[in-house]
Protein backbone atom coordinates (compact mmCIF):
# COMPACT_ATOMS: atom_id res chain seq x y z
CA MET A 1 -3.74 -13.71 26.53
CA ARG A 2 -4.41 -10.97 24.11
CA PRO A 3 -2.70 -10.85 20.90
CA GLN A 4 0.09 -8.27 20.61
CA VAL A 5 0.11 -6.58 17.18
CA ILE A 6 2.68 -3.90 16.02
CA ILE A 7 1.82 -2.05 12.82
CA ILE A 8 4.47 -0.32 10.94
CA GLY A 9 4.01 2.14 7.98
CA HIS A 10 3.96 5.43 6.44
CA GLY A 11 0.15 6.41 5.88
CA SER A 12 -2.20 7.21 8.67
CA THR A 13 -5.07 6.06 6.57
CA SER A 14 -3.87 2.57 5.68
CA ARG A 15 -2.56 2.10 9.32
CA LEU A 16 -5.97 2.96 10.61
CA GLY A 17 -7.70 0.44 8.47
CA ILE A 18 -5.34 -2.47 9.92
CA VAL A 19 -5.81 -1.13 13.45
CA ARG A 20 -9.64 -1.41 13.15
CA SER A 21 -9.40 -4.76 11.29
CA VAL A 22 -7.17 -6.24 14.07
CA ALA A 23 -9.13 -4.70 16.88
CA ALA A 24 -11.90 -7.40 16.03
CA LEU A 25 -9.43 -9.78 17.79
CA GLU A 26 -9.39 -7.72 20.88
CA ALA A 27 -5.72 -7.29 20.25
CA ASP A 28 -3.15 -4.95 22.13
CA ILE A 29 -2.06 -2.76 19.26
CA THR A 30 1.10 -0.74 18.81
CA LEU A 31 1.74 1.79 16.10
CA ILE A 32 4.95 2.60 14.63
CA ALA A 33 4.37 5.66 12.50
CA ILE A 34 7.19 6.47 9.96
CA VAL A 35 7.04 10.39 9.51
CA GLN A 36 9.28 12.58 7.23
CA PRO A 37 10.39 15.69 8.69
CA ARG A 38 9.65 18.88 6.78
CA ARG A 39 12.42 21.32 5.69
CA PHE A 40 15.08 19.24 7.44
CA LEU A 41 13.55 20.04 10.97
CA ARG A 42 12.41 17.20 13.24
CA LYS A 43 9.13 18.94 13.86
CA LEU A 44 6.22 16.46 14.28
CA ASP A 45 2.76 17.74 13.49
CA GLN A 46 0.84 14.87 15.54
CA SER A 47 -2.54 16.13 14.66
CA ARG A 48 -1.89 14.92 11.08
CA ILE A 49 -1.18 11.27 12.31
CA PHE A 50 -4.82 10.75 13.07
CA ASP A 51 -4.74 7.02 13.51
CA CYS A 52 -2.66 7.22 16.66
CA TYR A 53 -5.76 8.56 18.21
CA SER A 54 -7.89 5.47 17.71
CA LYS A 55 -9.32 4.03 20.81
CA TYR A 56 -7.96 0.71 19.86
CA VAL A 57 -4.14 1.86 19.81
CA SER A 58 -2.39 1.21 23.14
CA HIS A 59 1.00 2.72 22.32
CA CYS A 60 2.40 4.89 19.47
CA TYR A 61 6.05 5.54 18.55
CA TYR A 62 7.26 7.68 15.81
CA LEU A 63 10.21 6.88 13.58
CA TRP A 64 11.89 9.59 11.52
CA GLY A 65 12.23 8.54 7.91
CA ASN A 66 13.38 4.94 6.91
CA ASP A 67 15.82 4.52 9.70
CA GLY A 68 16.44 0.77 10.42
CA GLU A 69 18.34 1.28 13.38
CA GLY A 70 15.83 3.43 14.90
CA LEU A 71 13.13 0.80 14.15
CA ARG A 72 15.21 -1.88 15.75
CA LYS A 73 15.65 0.13 18.87
CA ILE A 74 11.88 0.86 19.24
CA LEU A 75 11.07 -2.88 18.62
CA PHE A 76 13.51 -4.10 21.16
CA ASP A 77 13.37 -1.32 23.75
CA HIS A 78 9.54 -1.07 23.89
CA CYS A 79 7.62 -3.95 21.98
CA LEU A 80 8.94 -7.19 23.46
CA CYS A 81 6.21 -9.21 24.95
CA SER A 82 6.56 -11.68 27.85
CA GLY A 83 5.30 -15.14 27.33
CA GLN A 84 4.34 -14.69 23.55
CA LYS A 85 5.53 -13.55 20.41
CA ALA A 86 4.18 -10.29 18.89
CA VAL A 87 2.86 -10.05 15.31
CA LEU A 88 4.58 -7.60 13.00
CA ILE A 89 2.52 -6.16 10.21
CA PRO A 90 4.70 -4.04 7.89
CA ASP A 91 2.56 -1.50 5.97
CA CYS A 92 5.06 0.10 3.65
CA ASP A 93 7.76 -1.11 1.33
CA PHE A 94 10.55 0.08 3.60
CA ALA A 95 8.97 -1.88 6.48
CA VAL A 96 8.32 -4.95 4.39
CA SER A 97 12.06 -4.98 3.19
CA TRP A 98 13.50 -4.32 6.56
CA VAL A 99 11.46 -6.91 8.34
CA ASP A 100 12.59 -9.54 5.60
CA SER A 101 16.33 -8.54 5.79
CA ASN A 102 16.36 -8.84 9.62
CA MET A 103 14.30 -12.13 9.92
CA GLU A 104 16.91 -13.82 12.09
CA LEU A 105 17.25 -10.88 14.53
CA LEU A 106 13.43 -10.79 14.84
CA SER A 107 12.39 -14.42 14.77
CA ASP A 108 12.77 -15.22 18.40
CA HIS A 109 10.54 -12.29 19.53
CA PHE A 110 8.27 -11.68 16.63
CA VAL A 111 6.08 -13.37 13.98
CA PHE A 112 5.55 -11.63 10.54
CA PRO A 113 4.76 -12.30 6.94
CA HIS A 114 7.41 -14.42 5.15
CA ILE A 115 8.21 -16.47 2.15
CA TYR A 116 9.24 -20.12 3.42
CA HIS A 117 10.63 -18.46 6.60
CA THR A 118 13.74 -17.60 4.57
CA ALA A 119 15.39 -14.11 4.74
CA GLY A 120 15.61 -12.33 1.44
CA LEU A 121 13.01 -13.98 -0.43
CA VAL A 122 10.52 -11.23 0.21
CA ASN A 123 12.96 -8.71 -1.07
CA TYR A 124 13.74 -10.80 -4.13
CA TRP A 125 10.03 -10.88 -4.93
CA MET A 126 9.47 -7.22 -4.72
CA ASP A 127 11.36 -6.90 -7.89
CA LYS A 128 8.74 -6.11 -10.83
CA SER A 129 10.84 -8.07 -13.43
CA VAL A 130 10.81 -11.20 -11.23
CA GLN A 131 7.14 -11.05 -10.69
CA LYS A 132 6.48 -10.60 -14.35
CA VAL A 133 8.33 -13.77 -15.27
CA LEU A 134 5.97 -15.80 -12.74
CA ALA A 135 3.01 -13.98 -13.89
CA ARG A 136 3.63 -15.23 -17.48
CA ASP A 137 4.20 -18.68 -16.16
CA VAL A 138 0.76 -18.87 -14.50
CA GLY A 139 -0.95 -17.47 -17.59
CA LEU A 140 -1.47 -13.85 -16.88
CA ASN A 141 -0.96 -11.30 -19.54
CA VAL A 142 1.98 -8.99 -18.99
CA ALA A 143 3.09 -6.20 -20.88
CA GLN A 144 6.60 -6.59 -22.75
CA SER A 145 9.34 -4.82 -20.87
CA VAL A 146 13.10 -4.19 -20.53
CA THR A 147 15.24 -3.34 -17.54
CA VAL A 148 17.76 -0.33 -17.89
CA ASP A 149 20.71 -0.11 -15.61
CA VAL A 150 20.91 3.58 -14.85
CA SER A 151 24.11 3.36 -12.87
CA VAL A 152 25.93 2.92 -16.20
CA GLN A 153 26.87 6.13 -18.16
CA PRO A 154 25.65 6.18 -20.84
CA ALA A 155 22.82 3.65 -19.87
CA THR A 156 22.24 1.20 -22.66
CA ILE A 157 18.60 1.24 -24.18
CA SER A 158 17.57 -1.74 -25.91
CA ASN A 159 16.65 -1.41 -29.69
CA LYS A 160 13.78 -3.62 -28.95
CA VAL A 161 11.97 -0.64 -27.30
CA ASN A 162 9.00 0.65 -29.32
CA TYR A 163 7.52 3.97 -28.35
CA PRO A 164 5.57 4.93 -26.44
CA VAL A 165 6.71 3.25 -23.34
CA PHE A 166 5.87 3.44 -19.73
CA THR A 167 8.54 3.87 -16.90
CA LYS A 168 8.71 2.90 -13.28
CA ALA A 169 11.23 1.94 -10.59
CA LEU A 170 11.99 -1.75 -10.63
CA LEU A 171 11.60 -1.58 -6.86
CA SER A 172 8.87 0.53 -5.58
CA LEU A 173 10.88 0.93 -2.45
CA ASN A 174 13.72 2.91 -4.24
CA GLY A 175 11.47 5.06 -6.45
CA GLY A 176 7.87 4.84 -5.47
CA LYS A 177 5.65 6.54 -8.00
CA GLN A 178 8.30 9.32 -8.85
CA LEU A 179 9.38 7.54 -12.11
CA PHE A 180 5.92 6.70 -13.44
CA ARG A 181 5.84 8.46 -16.90
CA ARG A 182 4.69 7.86 -20.43
CA CYS A 183 7.62 8.46 -22.71
CA ASP A 184 6.99 8.96 -26.43
CA THR A 185 10.56 9.62 -27.66
CA ILE A 186 14.06 8.31 -26.71
CA GLN A 187 14.84 11.79 -25.29
CA GLN A 188 12.03 11.50 -22.85
CA LEU A 189 13.02 8.19 -21.88
CA GLN A 190 16.74 9.51 -21.45
CA ASP A 191 15.27 12.39 -19.09
CA GLN A 192 13.59 9.61 -16.96
CA ILE A 193 16.83 7.74 -16.94
CA ASP A 194 18.77 10.79 -15.71
CA LYS A 195 16.09 11.38 -13.05
CA ALA A 196 16.29 7.85 -11.77
CA ARG A 197 20.16 8.28 -11.52
CA ASN A 198 19.63 11.51 -9.72
CA ILE A 199 17.32 9.97 -7.08
CA GLY A 200 19.50 7.07 -6.61
CA VAL A 201 17.47 4.41 -8.38
CA GLY A 202 19.67 1.71 -9.66
CA LYS A 203 17.20 0.14 -12.30
CA LEU A 204 14.51 1.38 -14.30
CA LEU A 205 11.73 -0.73 -15.77
CA VAL A 206 10.74 0.26 -19.32
CA GLU A 207 7.60 -1.48 -20.41
CA GLN A 208 5.24 -1.49 -23.41
CA TYR A 209 2.65 1.46 -23.08
CA LEU A 210 -0.86 0.28 -23.02
CA ASP A 211 -3.84 2.54 -23.30
CA ILE A 212 -5.80 1.47 -19.91
CA GLU A 213 -9.41 1.47 -19.85
CA LYS A 214 -10.04 0.55 -16.23
CA GLU A 215 -7.69 -0.06 -13.28
CA TYR A 216 -8.25 -2.61 -10.64
CA ALA A 217 -6.78 -4.28 -7.57
CA VAL A 218 -7.49 -7.17 -5.26
CA VAL A 219 -6.50 -7.59 -1.86
CA GLY A 220 -6.08 -11.09 -0.23
CA PHE A 221 -4.51 -13.34 2.41
CA SER A 222 -2.28 -16.35 1.95
CA ASP A 223 -1.32 -18.99 4.50
CA GLY A 224 0.95 -20.63 1.94
CA GLN A 225 -1.60 -23.48 1.21
CA ARG A 226 -4.70 -21.48 0.35
CA VAL A 227 -5.58 -17.98 -0.83
CA VAL A 228 -8.50 -15.66 0.15
CA ILE A 229 -9.29 -12.96 -2.39
CA PRO A 230 -12.77 -11.53 -1.25
CA GLY A 231 -13.59 -9.24 -4.11
CA VAL A 232 -12.32 -6.74 -6.87
CA ILE A 233 -11.54 -3.26 -6.39
CA GLU A 234 -12.43 -0.81 -9.11
CA PHE A 235 -10.64 2.54 -9.20
CA LEU A 236 -13.03 5.24 -10.04
CA GLN A 237 -11.04 8.30 -9.62
CA TYR A 238 -7.44 9.06 -8.85
CA SER A 239 -5.90 11.82 -6.75
CA GLN A 240 -4.48 14.87 -8.69
CA SER A 241 -1.89 15.69 -6.13
CA HIS A 242 -0.56 12.21 -5.52
CA PHE A 243 0.16 10.53 -8.84
CA GLY A 244 -1.30 6.82 -9.21
CA VAL A 245 -3.07 6.89 -5.79
CA ALA A 246 -6.71 6.10 -5.76
CA LEU A 247 -8.99 8.79 -4.56
CA LYS A 248 -12.47 7.03 -4.95
CA GLY A 249 -13.37 3.46 -5.98
CA CYS A 250 -15.73 0.37 -5.57
CA ILE A 251 -15.31 -3.08 -4.16
CA ARG A 252 -17.56 -5.63 -5.65
CA PRO A 253 -17.81 -9.57 -5.83
CA VAL A 254 -15.68 -11.44 -8.12
CA ASP A 255 -18.54 -12.63 -10.30
CA GLY A 256 -17.40 -13.02 -13.92
CA MET A 257 -13.61 -12.89 -13.12
CA GLU A 258 -13.36 -16.28 -11.43
CA ASP A 259 -10.62 -17.62 -13.77
CA LEU A 260 -8.47 -14.53 -13.29
CA MET A 261 -8.69 -14.85 -9.63
CA GLU A 262 -7.58 -18.40 -9.88
CA ARG A 263 -4.55 -17.36 -11.74
CA PHE A 264 -3.80 -14.60 -9.14
CA SER A 265 -4.11 -17.31 -6.47
CA ASN A 266 -1.73 -19.62 -8.37
CA PHE A 267 0.64 -16.73 -8.64
CA VAL A 268 0.64 -16.07 -4.83
CA LEU A 269 0.99 -20.00 -4.07
CA ARG A 270 3.96 -20.36 -6.48
CA MET A 271 5.68 -17.54 -4.84
CA GLY A 272 5.14 -19.15 -1.43
CA PHE A 273 4.04 -15.75 0.36
CA VAL A 274 2.40 -16.09 3.78
CA GLY A 275 0.75 -12.71 4.56
CA VAL A 276 -1.90 -10.05 3.27
CA PHE A 277 -1.15 -8.66 -0.30
CA ASP A 278 -2.66 -6.58 -2.88
CA ILE A 279 -2.32 -7.00 -6.80
CA ASP A 280 -2.79 -4.27 -9.29
CA PHE A 281 -4.11 -5.01 -12.85
CA PHE A 282 -5.82 -3.26 -15.44
CA TYR A 283 -8.03 -3.77 -18.62
CA ALA A 284 -6.62 -2.82 -22.03
CA THR A 285 -6.78 -3.95 -25.62
CA GLY A 286 -9.74 -6.22 -24.82
CA LYS A 287 -8.11 -8.16 -21.94
CA TYR A 288 -6.91 -8.09 -18.44
CA TRP A 289 -3.03 -7.44 -17.85
CA PHE A 290 -0.98 -8.00 -14.62
CA GLY A 291 0.61 -4.89 -13.05
CA GLU A 292 2.35 -5.75 -9.92
CA MET A 293 1.98 -7.39 -6.55
CA ASN A 294 2.62 -5.41 -3.20
CA LEU A 295 3.56 -7.82 -0.37
CA ARG A 296 1.55 -5.76 2.18
CA PHE A 297 -2.06 -4.79 2.72
CA GLY A 298 -3.23 -2.45 0.02
CA GLY A 299 -4.27 1.23 0.79
CA SER A 300 -7.75 0.40 -0.09
CA GLY A 301 -7.84 -2.90 1.67
CA TYR A 302 -10.06 -1.72 4.52
CA ALA A 303 -12.98 -1.72 2.25
CA ALA A 304 -12.88 -5.58 2.42
CA THR A 305 -13.14 -5.47 6.06
CA CYS A 306 -15.97 -3.17 6.00
CA MET A 307 -17.71 -5.68 3.66
CA GLY A 308 -17.27 -8.33 6.22
CA VAL A 309 -13.99 -10.01 5.13
CA ASN A 310 -11.27 -9.12 7.73
CA LEU A 311 -7.98 -10.24 5.97
CA PRO A 312 -5.43 -8.77 8.61
CA ALA A 313 -7.36 -10.58 11.43
CA MET A 314 -6.90 -13.81 9.24
CA LEU A 315 -3.21 -13.04 9.13
CA VAL A 316 -2.79 -12.59 12.90
CA ARG A 317 -4.62 -15.72 13.71
CA HIS A 318 -2.52 -17.70 11.40
CA LEU A 319 0.76 -16.28 12.51
CA LEU A 320 -0.23 -16.95 16.20
CA GLY A 321 -1.36 -20.39 15.42
CA MET A 322 -4.85 -19.65 16.75
CA GLN A 323 -7.76 -21.85 15.80
CA THR A 324 -9.15 -20.66 12.58
CA GLU A 325 -12.96 -19.93 12.76
CA LYS A 326 -15.32 -20.22 9.90
CA VAL A 327 -15.34 -16.65 8.70
CA PRO A 328 -16.59 -15.02 5.57
CA GLU A 329 -14.22 -15.11 2.56
CA ARG A 330 -16.17 -13.52 -0.11
CA ILE A 331 -18.12 -10.26 -0.38
CA LEU A 332 -21.45 -10.48 -1.74
CA SER A 333 -22.48 -6.84 -2.77
CA THR A 334 -20.88 -3.79 -3.96
CA ALA A 335 -19.99 -0.56 -2.24
CA THR A 336 -18.15 2.66 -2.99
CA PHE A 337 -15.36 4.27 -0.81
CA VAL A 338 -13.13 7.30 -0.84
CA ASN A 339 -9.77 8.11 0.70
CA GLU A 340 -10.46 11.21 2.79
CA ARG A 341 -6.80 12.01 3.00
CA MET A 342 -6.23 12.19 -0.61
CA ALA A 343 -9.46 14.32 -0.95
CA LEU A 344 -8.03 16.73 1.60
CA ASP A 345 -4.71 17.06 -0.05
CA ASP A 346 -6.64 17.53 -3.63
CA TRP A 347 -8.83 20.18 -2.14
CA TYR A 348 -5.92 22.12 -0.34
CA ARG A 349 -3.99 22.20 -3.66
CA ASN A 350 -7.00 23.54 -5.59
CA CYS A 351 -7.39 20.46 -7.59
CA ILE A 352 -11.00 20.00 -6.51
CA THR A 353 -13.48 22.41 -5.26
CA THR A 354 -14.97 22.59 -1.76
CA SER A 355 -18.33 21.35 -3.08
CA ASP A 356 -16.46 18.33 -4.68
CA TYR A 357 -14.55 17.65 -1.51
CA HIS A 358 -17.84 17.42 0.61
CA GLN A 359 -19.54 15.46 -2.19
CA LEU A 360 -16.78 12.85 -2.10
CA THR A 361 -16.51 12.46 1.60
CA GLN A 362 -20.21 12.42 2.25
CA SER A 363 -21.77 10.37 -0.56
CA THR A 364 -19.94 7.09 -0.44
CA ASP A 365 -20.72 3.76 1.41
CA ILE A 366 -17.49 3.27 3.15
CA SER A 367 -15.28 5.67 5.21
CA PHE A 368 -11.72 5.18 5.83
CA VAL A 369 -11.66 7.65 8.67
CA ASN A 370 -15.17 8.24 10.03
CA ASP A 371 -16.30 5.39 12.49
CA PRO A 372 -19.22 5.86 15.00
CA ALA A 373 -17.65 3.27 17.14
CA ASP A 374 -14.15 5.10 17.05
CA LEU A 375 -14.60 8.85 16.85
CA ARG A 376 -11.32 10.43 17.84
CA PRO A 377 -9.52 9.95 14.44
CA GLN A 378 -12.46 11.79 12.77
CA ARG A 379 -12.35 14.57 15.17
CA ILE A 380 -8.70 14.93 14.74
CA PHE A 381 -9.00 14.71 11.01
CA ASN A 382 -11.75 17.42 11.08
CA ARG A 383 -9.25 19.62 13.13
CA VAL A 384 -6.64 19.04 10.24
CA TRP A 385 -9.31 20.17 7.64
CA HIS A 386 -9.97 23.47 9.55
CA GLN A 387 -6.03 24.02 9.68
CA PHE A 388 -5.74 23.40 5.89
CA ARG A 389 -8.79 25.64 5.33
CA MET A 390 -7.17 28.59 7.13
CA ARG A 391 -3.91 28.01 5.39
CA ARG A 392 -5.57 27.72 2.00
CA PHE A 393 -7.45 31.11 2.68
CA ILE A 394 -4.15 32.86 3.61
CA ARG A 395 -2.25 31.54 0.81
CA ASN A 396 -4.94 32.53 -1.85
CA VAL A 397 -5.34 35.97 -0.22
CA ILE A 398 -1.39 36.44 -0.70
CA ARG A 399 -1.39 35.03 -4.17
CA HIS A 400 -4.02 37.39 -5.37
CA LYS A 401 -2.82 40.49 -3.78
């Protein structure tokens, strides 16, 4: 019987990478695409959701925003499988949190990433301050930080804070990257606290600012007993229209970082997480620093699949109790990649030139969209490119009248 896999998330590029990874198992794949209505109108531009056109996708459903009840209805009305449990792969913080919170409801019909099969533990470990404590315990370098409760007015700012500082939401689910900012003064920090309060974030993480020289990530898989980290991703260029999102990077072997990878493995094992994950870290002041762990597949994780290490397939095999074959667990060479969706947004918003766009999308080793074996997503993406090109032309004509 073919494995039944359901992928739930916000981003087409990330979902498409998981689809193509899981397709190696000849799985029956369902997508649940979480979309945000624009201008309060429930109008869906399906051409932008190019991953649903993949030949590997059997069914696709659309969820308007982070609607937990709507997600429950889709799963139980359309995704129950006769004779076997389906695998849920949550691919955004909302989906990760919802699945963990509804473990008892889901467990009779689905299998999914977990921590000790105990509801609430994944949500607990999504807290960056909790992660920092464990990271220190396993010997990772962690920036000093304090947590500010922004629900209290006026918010109490510790006198231990030394400026400059860097702010972020304690839970990415609540604030995403909206609250990333360097603050050089107490007034700038107070502005961030007010912003966090206005968007409904309860707690703000205020940490020591470090002048970052290079940023990295690792993607991996854990079955609770062992951890597979196939390589290191180095971010070479960031999107100018999406703060903190990688535009271009490279993936390479872990050579020279074996001790650091061992600490990351200990971190995941101590947490008890079973699933695919990514860990952000960076180099500053002559050493590597822990950033945070996302308890889901990283946005650049498909690069590892393209290099021969298929982490989502490992997850599906483990959750279904399938016999584990001897499969590659380390990449052996280096390759570059680009996130075409971010490049398109940067081009449309005049952050990069047309020449820059074409150079980015045509000169890298790994494409997240283009695949000769699965052509329709690229064709739909090209259609979006032409739509954006016309809109940009009209917008620029109007602007210069």
